[in-house]
């Protein structure tokens, strides 16, 4: 699980580092609204996997 979280962080880092203002968005990374549903789904999946792992 730690390796998965590390991989996700590494993959998302360039998009955060290259963030830009514009298009009337809030803050630097204005595409967050576009990615929010995918990030929410990722959080739900990770929580479900952790729940299943700790249930055993």
Protein backbone atom coordinates (compact mmCIF):
# COMPACT_ATOMS: atom_id res chain seq x y z
CA UNK A 1 0.00 0.00 0.00
CA UNK A 2 2.85 2.37 0.78
CA UNK A 3 4.36 1.77 -2.64
CA UNK A 4 1.01 2.51 -4.29
CA UNK A 5 0.65 5.81 -2.43
CA UNK A 6 4.23 6.72 -3.31
CA UNK A 7 3.60 5.90 -6.98
CA UNK A 8 0.44 8.02 -7.05
CA UNK A 9 2.28 10.92 -5.41
CA UNK A 10 5.11 10.69 -7.93
CA UNK A 11 2.68 10.58 -10.85
CA UNK A 12 0.69 13.59 -9.61
CA UNK A 13 3.71 15.71 -8.66
CA UNK A 14 4.47 17.01 -12.16
CA UNK A 15 0.90 18.20 -12.62
CA UNK A 16 1.08 20.12 -9.36
CA UNK A 17 4.52 21.55 -10.13
CA UNK A 18 3.43 22.73 -13.58
CA UNK A 19 0.18 24.26 -12.33
CA UNK A 20 -0.77 27.65 -13.70
CA UNK A 21 -3.28 30.38 -13.04
CA UNK A 22 -5.96 31.23 -15.50
CA UNK A 23 -9.37 30.42 -16.91
CA UNK A 24 -10.95 32.06 -13.85
CA UNK A 25 -9.98 29.14 -11.63
CA UNK A 26 -9.41 29.29 -7.89
CA UNK A 27 -5.81 29.10 -6.75
CA UNK A 28 -2.85 27.89 -8.73
CA UNK A 29 -4.18 24.50 -9.72
CA UNK A 30 -7.51 25.44 -11.27
CA UNK A 31 -7.96 22.03 -12.93
CA UNK A 32 -8.60 20.49 -9.50
CA UNK A 33 -12.35 20.71 -10.15
CA UNK A 34 -11.86 18.50 -13.20
CA UNK A 35 -9.86 15.95 -11.22
CA UNK A 36 -11.91 16.00 -8.00
CA UNK A 37 -14.27 13.12 -8.96
CA UNK A 38 -11.32 10.89 -9.90
CA UNK A 39 -9.48 11.78 -6.69
CA UNK A 40 -12.61 11.10 -4.65
CA UNK A 41 -12.98 7.70 -6.28
CA UNK A 42 -9.32 6.96 -5.55
CA UNK A 43 -9.84 7.83 -1.88
CA UNK A 44 -12.90 5.56 -1.66
CA UNK A 45 -11.04 2.67 -3.29
CA UNK A 46 -8.02 3.12 -1.01
CA UNK A 47 -10.24 3.27 2.08
CA UNK A 48 -12.06 0.12 0.94
CA UNK A 49 -8.79 -1.73 0.39
CA UNK A 50 -7.51 -0.68 3.81
CA UNK A 51 -10.80 -1.79 5.41
CA UNK A 52 -10.63 -5.20 3.72
CA UNK A 53 -6.98 -5.64 4.67
CA UNK A 54 -7.58 -4.77 8.35
CA UNK A 55 -10.72 -6.92 8.53
CA UNK A 56 -8.79 -10.18 8.13
